[in-house]
N, C-alpha and C. Protein backbone atom coordinates (compact mmCIF):
# COMPACT_ATOMS: atom_id res chain seq x y z
N GLU A 1 0.68 14.69 19.44
CA GLU A 1 0.14 16.33 19.56
C GLU A 1 0.56 16.79 18.67
N ASN A 2 1.93 16.89 18.57
CA ASN A 2 2.72 17.95 17.60
C ASN A 2 2.97 16.92 15.96
N PHE A 3 2.03 15.74 15.80
CA PHE A 3 2.47 15.20 14.56
C PHE A 3 1.38 14.90 13.46
N LEU A 4 1.66 15.17 12.03
CA LEU A 4 0.39 15.48 11.66
C LEU A 4 -0.20 14.34 11.76
N ARG A 5 -1.98 13.86 11.16
CA ARG A 5 -2.55 12.90 11.20
C ARG A 5 -2.85 12.35 9.52
N TYR A 6 -2.57 11.36 9.38
CA TYR A 6 -3.11 10.46 7.75
C TYR A 6 -4.44 11.06 7.62
N GLY A 7 -4.83 11.35 6.58
CA GLY A 7 -6.48 11.66 6.14
C GLY A 7 -6.84 12.40 5.42
N VAL A 8 -6.05 12.08 4.06
CA VAL A 8 -6.40 12.77 2.97
C VAL A 8 -6.60 12.06 2.05
N ASP A 9 -7.77 12.53 1.01
CA ASP A 9 -8.22 11.56 -0.19
C ASP A 9 -7.89 12.10 -1.16
N MET A 10 -6.99 11.73 -2.21
CA MET A 10 -6.59 12.34 -3.29
C MET A 10 -7.41 11.83 -4.33
N TYR A 11 -8.07 12.83 -5.11
CA TYR A 11 -8.43 12.43 -6.38
C TYR A 11 -8.13 13.11 -7.60
N PHE A 12 -8.26 11.67 -9.03
CA PHE A 12 -7.35 12.08 -9.95
C PHE A 12 -8.29 12.38 -11.39
N GLY A 13 -7.80 12.84 -12.27
CA GLY A 13 -8.88 13.35 -13.69
C GLY A 13 -8.45 11.67 -14.20
N LYS A 14 -9.35 12.22 -15.59
CA LYS A 14 -8.84 11.00 -16.60
C LYS A 14 -7.40 11.39 -17.20
N GLN A 15 -6.76 12.17 -17.26
CA GLN A 15 -5.34 11.90 -17.55
C GLN A 15 -4.43 11.60 -16.49
N ARG A 16 -5.30 11.38 -15.07
CA ARG A 16 -3.79 11.16 -14.23
C ARG A 16 -3.58 12.32 -13.36
N ASP A 17 -4.27 13.19 -13.76
CA ASP A 17 -3.53 14.44 -13.15
C ASP A 17 -4.92 14.87 -11.47
N LEU A 18 -3.81 15.34 -10.55
CA LEU A 18 -4.06 15.17 -9.57
C LEU A 18 -5.18 16.33 -9.29
N VAL A 19 -6.85 16.32 -9.25
CA VAL A 19 -7.65 17.76 -9.33
C VAL A 19 -7.89 18.21 -7.92
N ALA A 20 -8.17 16.99 -6.69
CA ALA A 20 -8.66 17.55 -5.67
C ALA A 20 -7.59 16.71 -4.98
N ILE A 21 -7.98 16.88 -3.24
CA ILE A 21 -7.56 16.71 -2.03
C ILE A 21 -8.69 16.92 -1.13
N TYR A 22 -8.83 15.66 -0.33
CA TYR A 22 -9.79 16.46 0.87
C TYR A 22 -9.28 16.05 1.92
N ASP A 23 -9.31 16.97 2.91
CA ASP A 23 -8.69 16.83 4.14
C ASP A 23 -9.47 16.32 5.04
N ALA A 24 -9.51 15.07 5.52
CA ALA A 24 -10.44 14.20 6.70
C ALA A 24 -10.14 15.07 8.06
N THR A 25 -8.87 15.82 7.99
CA THR A 25 -8.64 16.49 9.68
C THR A 25 -8.64 18.02 9.46
N ALA A 26 -9.19 18.45 8.93
CA ALA A 26 -9.36 19.77 8.57
C ALA A 26 -10.11 20.30 9.94
N GLU A 27 -9.65 21.55 10.41
CA GLU A 27 -10.89 22.07 11.30
C GLU A 27 -11.75 22.86 10.95
N ASP A 28 -11.52 23.94 9.69
CA ASP A 28 -12.29 23.90 9.26
C ASP A 28 -13.22 23.16 8.25
N GLU A 29 -14.39 22.75 8.65
CA GLU A 29 -15.32 22.04 7.82
C GLU A 29 -15.00 22.82 6.34
N ALA A 30 -15.20 24.49 6.24
CA ALA A 30 -15.63 24.96 4.86
C ALA A 30 -14.70 24.81 4.34
N HIS A 31 -13.25 24.43 4.62
CA HIS A 31 -12.43 24.48 3.84
C HIS A 31 -11.30 22.97 3.82
N SER A 32 -12.30 22.11 3.34
CA SER A 32 -11.97 20.89 3.54
C SER A 32 -11.57 19.81 1.84
N CYS A 33 -11.51 20.98 1.32
CA CYS A 33 -11.38 20.08 -0.08
C CYS A 33 -10.79 21.59 -1.11
N TRP A 34 -9.48 20.71 -1.44
CA TRP A 34 -8.34 21.46 -1.68
C TRP A 34 -8.48 21.51 -3.16
N LYS A 35 -8.02 22.40 -4.75
CA LYS A 35 -7.99 22.24 -5.92
C LYS A 35 -6.74 22.64 -5.94
N PRO A 36 -6.02 22.86 -7.23
CA PRO A 36 -4.83 22.94 -7.69
C PRO A 36 -4.78 24.43 -7.71
N SER A 37 -6.08 24.78 -8.00
CA SER A 37 -6.32 26.41 -8.05
C SER A 37 -6.49 27.08 -6.66
N ASP A 38 -6.46 26.49 -5.84
CA ASP A 38 -6.53 27.59 -4.29
C ASP A 38 -5.04 27.15 -3.99
N THR A 39 -4.43 27.48 -4.38
CA THR A 39 -2.79 27.85 -4.49
C THR A 39 -2.39 29.23 -5.11
N GLU A 40 -3.59 29.52 -5.83
CA GLU A 40 -3.01 30.94 -6.09
C GLU A 40 -4.01 31.81 -5.23
N GLN A 41 -3.95 31.70 -3.71
CA GLN A 41 -4.67 32.52 -3.26
C GLN A 41 -3.84 32.71 -2.35
N GLY A 42 -2.19 32.33 -2.41
CA GLY A 42 -1.00 32.65 -1.63
C GLY A 42 -0.63 32.12 -0.95
N GLU A 43 0.29 32.10 -0.23
CA GLU A 43 1.56 31.55 0.00
C GLU A 43 1.36 30.15 1.31
N PRO A 44 0.00 30.71 2.12
CA PRO A 44 -0.34 29.91 2.69
C PRO A 44 -1.07 28.79 2.07
N SER A 45 -1.78 28.78 1.50
CA SER A 45 -2.59 28.11 0.53
C SER A 45 -1.77 27.00 -0.21
N LYS A 46 -0.70 27.32 -1.17
CA LYS A 46 0.65 27.15 -1.48
C LYS A 46 1.08 25.85 -0.16
N LYS A 47 1.26 26.32 1.23
CA LYS A 47 2.20 25.27 1.47
C LYS A 47 1.24 24.49 2.23
N LYS A 48 -0.53 24.67 2.41
CA LYS A 48 -1.28 23.82 2.89
C LYS A 48 -1.46 22.46 1.93
N TRP A 49 -2.06 23.02 0.50
CA TRP A 49 -1.90 22.27 -0.50
C TRP A 49 -0.09 21.32 -0.53
N LEU A 50 0.63 21.57 -0.36
CA LEU A 50 1.87 20.85 -0.43
C LEU A 50 2.34 20.23 0.73
N GLU A 51 1.46 20.45 1.51
CA GLU A 51 1.56 19.37 2.87
C GLU A 51 0.61 18.36 2.98
N LEU A 52 -0.79 18.93 1.89
CA LEU A 52 -2.01 17.51 1.47
C LEU A 52 -1.18 16.43 0.66
N LYS A 53 -0.33 16.97 -0.28
CA LYS A 53 -0.54 16.02 -1.03
C LYS A 53 0.96 15.41 -0.93
N LEU A 54 1.81 15.73 0.13
CA LEU A 54 2.96 14.85 0.86
C LEU A 54 2.57 13.89 1.83
N LEU A 55 1.33 14.19 2.10
CA LEU A 55 0.81 13.40 3.39
C LEU A 55 0.02 12.28 2.20
N GLY A 56 -0.65 12.57 1.32
CA GLY A 56 -1.05 11.33 0.59
C GLY A 56 0.15 10.65 0.13
N MET A 57 1.24 11.16 -0.17
CA MET A 57 2.19 10.40 -1.15
C MET A 57 2.70 9.54 0.26
N ALA A 58 2.83 10.22 1.39
CA ALA A 58 3.43 9.11 2.44
C ALA A 58 2.78 7.99 2.88
N ALA A 59 0.96 8.12 2.75
CA ALA A 59 0.65 7.03 2.89
C ALA A 59 0.52 5.96 1.87
N VAL A 60 0.71 6.54 0.75
CA VAL A 60 0.89 5.23 -0.39
C VAL A 60 2.19 4.93 -0.32
N LEU A 61 3.33 5.39 0.24
CA LEU A 61 4.73 5.12 0.07
C LEU A 61 4.55 4.06 1.28
N SER A 62 4.63 4.08 2.34
CA SER A 62 3.86 3.52 3.39
C SER A 62 3.52 2.32 3.94
N LEU A 63 2.86 2.28 3.13
CA LEU A 63 1.81 0.58 2.42
C LEU A 63 2.03 0.33 1.71
N GLN A 64 3.16 0.41 0.55
CA GLN A 64 3.84 -0.26 -0.21
C GLN A 64 4.65 -1.22 -0.25
N PRO A 65 5.44 -1.13 0.69
CA PRO A 65 6.22 -2.37 0.90
C PRO A 65 5.36 -3.74 1.68
N TYR A 66 4.68 -3.18 2.20
CA TYR A 66 3.99 -3.75 3.21
C TYR A 66 3.02 -5.15 2.29
N VAL A 67 2.18 -4.43 0.92
CA VAL A 67 1.11 -5.08 0.32
C VAL A 67 2.14 -5.98 -0.33
N TYR A 68 3.54 -5.33 -1.45
CA TYR A 68 4.45 -5.88 -2.01
C TYR A 68 4.95 -7.48 -1.48
N HIS A 69 5.44 -7.26 0.25
CA HIS A 69 5.67 -8.39 1.03
C HIS A 69 4.97 -9.54 1.05
N ALA A 70 3.55 -8.70 0.98
CA ALA A 70 2.42 -9.80 1.38
C ALA A 70 2.02 -10.51 -0.11
N MET A 71 1.98 -9.80 -1.29
CA MET A 71 1.70 -10.42 -2.47
C MET A 71 2.95 -11.31 -2.99
N GLU A 72 4.20 -11.27 -2.35
CA GLU A 72 5.41 -11.74 -2.73
C GLU A 72 5.44 -13.06 -2.42
N LYS A 73 5.16 -13.27 -0.81
CA LYS A 73 4.67 -14.41 -0.27
C LYS A 73 3.70 -14.82 -0.87
N ILE A 74 2.56 -14.72 -1.24
CA ILE A 74 1.16 -15.48 -1.76
C ILE A 74 1.99 -16.00 -3.07
N THR A 75 2.25 -15.38 -3.77
CA THR A 75 2.85 -15.77 -5.03
C THR A 75 3.65 -16.59 -5.11
N ILE A 76 4.65 -16.57 -4.44
CA ILE A 76 5.84 -16.93 -4.92
C ILE A 76 5.73 -18.22 -3.85
N GLY A 77 5.36 -17.94 -2.85
CA GLY A 77 5.45 -18.73 -1.42
C GLY A 77 4.32 -20.29 -1.59
N GLY A 78 3.03 -19.55 -2.29
CA GLY A 78 1.93 -20.43 -2.78
C GLY A 78 2.20 -20.79 -4.34
N VAL A 79 2.54 -20.78 -5.27
CA VAL A 79 2.42 -21.23 -6.35
C VAL A 79 3.70 -21.80 -6.63
N MET A 80 5.14 -21.27 -6.07
CA MET A 80 6.09 -21.86 -6.36
C MET A 80 5.89 -23.29 -5.72
N TRP A 81 5.86 -23.03 -4.27
CA TRP A 81 5.77 -24.25 -3.32
C TRP A 81 4.92 -25.32 -4.03
N SER A 82 3.57 -24.81 -4.13
CA SER A 82 2.62 -25.68 -4.61
C SER A 82 3.10 -26.91 -5.67
N ALA A 83 3.85 -25.89 -6.96
CA ALA A 83 4.29 -26.62 -8.22
C ALA A 83 5.80 -27.39 -7.29
N ILE A 84 6.34 -27.09 -7.24
CA ILE A 84 7.53 -27.82 -6.31
C ILE A 84 7.21 -29.39 -5.74
N TYR A 85 5.82 -29.10 -4.54
CA TYR A 85 5.38 -30.52 -3.67
C TYR A 85 4.42 -31.11 -5.09
N ASP A 86 4.00 -31.04 -6.39
CA ASP A 86 3.67 -31.46 -7.11
C ASP A 86 4.77 -32.55 -7.83
N LEU A 87 5.85 -32.13 -7.50
CA LEU A 87 6.81 -32.85 -8.47
C LEU A 87 6.83 -34.56 -7.73
N PRO A 88 7.53 -35.37 -8.18
CA PRO A 88 7.43 -36.34 -7.33
C PRO A 88 8.47 -36.45 -6.50
N ILE A 89 8.13 -37.55 -5.35
CA ILE A 89 9.44 -37.38 -4.48
C ILE A 89 10.62 -37.65 -5.28
N GLY A 90 11.35 -37.46 -4.53
CA GLY A 90 13.33 -37.66 -5.29
C GLY A 90 13.56 -37.16 -6.49
N HIS A 91 12.33 -36.49 -6.95
CA HIS A 91 12.74 -35.22 -8.00
C HIS A 91 13.94 -34.21 -8.03
N PRO A 92 15.15 -33.91 -8.84
CA PRO A 92 16.30 -33.64 -8.15
C PRO A 92 15.37 -31.70 -7.63
N ILE A 93 14.60 -30.69 -8.74
CA ILE A 93 13.95 -29.87 -7.90
C ILE A 93 13.84 -29.84 -6.68
N ARG A 94 12.83 -30.89 -6.15
CA ARG A 94 12.10 -31.38 -5.46
C ARG A 94 13.22 -31.41 -3.90
N ASN A 95 14.07 -32.15 -4.04
CA ASN A 95 14.92 -32.57 -3.30
C ASN A 95 15.46 -30.99 -2.89
N THR A 96 16.53 -30.30 -3.92
CA THR A 96 17.02 -29.09 -3.76
C THR A 96 16.27 -28.08 -3.03
N MET A 97 14.95 -27.93 -3.27
CA MET A 97 14.17 -26.82 -2.75
C MET A 97 13.88 -27.19 -1.48
N SER A 98 13.40 -28.32 -1.40
CA SER A 98 12.83 -28.64 0.12
C SER A 98 13.15 -28.50 1.34
N PRO A 99 15.03 -27.78 2.04
CA PRO A 99 15.07 -27.58 3.04
C PRO A 99 14.89 -25.94 2.81
N PHE A 100 14.74 -25.44 1.90
CA PHE A 100 14.06 -23.66 2.11
C PHE A 100 12.61 -23.44 2.27
N ALA A 101 11.91 -24.84 1.91
CA ALA A 101 10.32 -24.36 2.05
C ALA A 101 10.03 -24.99 3.71
N HIS A 102 10.83 -24.69 4.78
CA HIS A 102 10.38 -24.78 6.11
C HIS A 102 9.08 -23.58 6.35
N ARG A 103 8.06 -23.73 6.89
CA ARG A 103 7.02 -23.28 7.12
C ARG A 103 6.49 -22.26 6.50
N SER A 104 6.83 -22.57 4.64
CA SER A 104 6.68 -21.25 3.62
C SER A 104 5.08 -21.29 3.57
N LEU A 105 4.93 -22.30 3.35
CA LEU A 105 3.09 -22.35 3.18
C LEU A 105 2.63 -21.68 4.43
N GLU A 106 2.80 -22.11 5.77
CA GLU A 106 2.52 -21.64 6.76
C GLU A 106 2.17 -20.03 6.96
N LYS A 107 3.28 -19.68 6.70
CA LYS A 107 3.52 -18.12 6.47
C LYS A 107 2.63 -17.50 5.40
N VAL A 108 2.68 -18.33 4.25
CA VAL A 108 1.81 -17.57 3.50
C VAL A 108 -0.09 -17.46 4.07
N GLN A 109 -0.04 -18.45 4.26
CA GLN A 109 -1.67 -18.80 5.12
C GLN A 109 -1.56 -17.85 6.40
N GLN A 110 -0.76 -17.43 7.50
CA GLN A 110 -1.07 -16.14 8.56
C GLN A 110 -0.73 -14.87 7.67
N ILE A 111 0.02 -14.92 6.04
CA ILE A 111 -0.13 -13.73 6.03
C ILE A 111 -1.55 -13.59 5.36
N PHE A 112 -1.93 -14.84 4.60
CA PHE A 112 -3.62 -14.30 3.94
C PHE A 112 -4.72 -13.81 4.90
N HIS A 113 -4.75 -14.67 6.19
CA HIS A 113 -5.25 -14.25 7.09
C HIS A 113 -5.39 -12.67 7.69
N THR A 114 -4.16 -12.65 7.82
CA THR A 114 -3.94 -11.36 8.72
C THR A 114 -4.21 -9.78 7.78
N THR A 115 -3.77 -10.37 6.68
CA THR A 115 -3.94 -8.95 5.58
C THR A 115 -5.12 -9.08 4.60
N LEU A 116 -5.39 -10.38 3.93
CA LEU A 116 -6.42 -10.29 2.72
C LEU A 116 -7.99 -10.40 3.26
N GLU A 117 -7.74 -11.43 4.10
CA GLU A 117 -9.27 -11.60 4.71
C GLU A 117 -9.98 -10.36 5.39
N SER A 118 -9.30 -9.48 6.22
CA SER A 118 -9.78 -8.75 7.00
C SER A 118 -9.75 -7.38 5.96
N GLY A 119 -9.66 -7.23 4.74
CA GLY A 119 -10.30 -6.27 3.85
C GLY A 119 -8.71 -5.33 3.63
């Protein structure tokens, strides 16, 4: 009840500058799209623009570690362990790394099914 809901879409221009923010949680539909020029309308507009900007940044930052972890598991786990298992049995690298491979490919498959297949 007292928490801000996520629900902003940030639009960027060709120069990667923030040109608009759409507030999907706006109670007043007439003012759900904000532009930087709206901050010239006074202090409440400046505060609302900053709030929406911070909500957009928070949404990106909260997702970043999860995506990084999933991609790390897939690339390191999938590619590296596949290459190690392609080495002949008894190869020194395969012998050294095998104890660390416990369930690695299974974890990669679980992450793939829970994140990438569902969109």
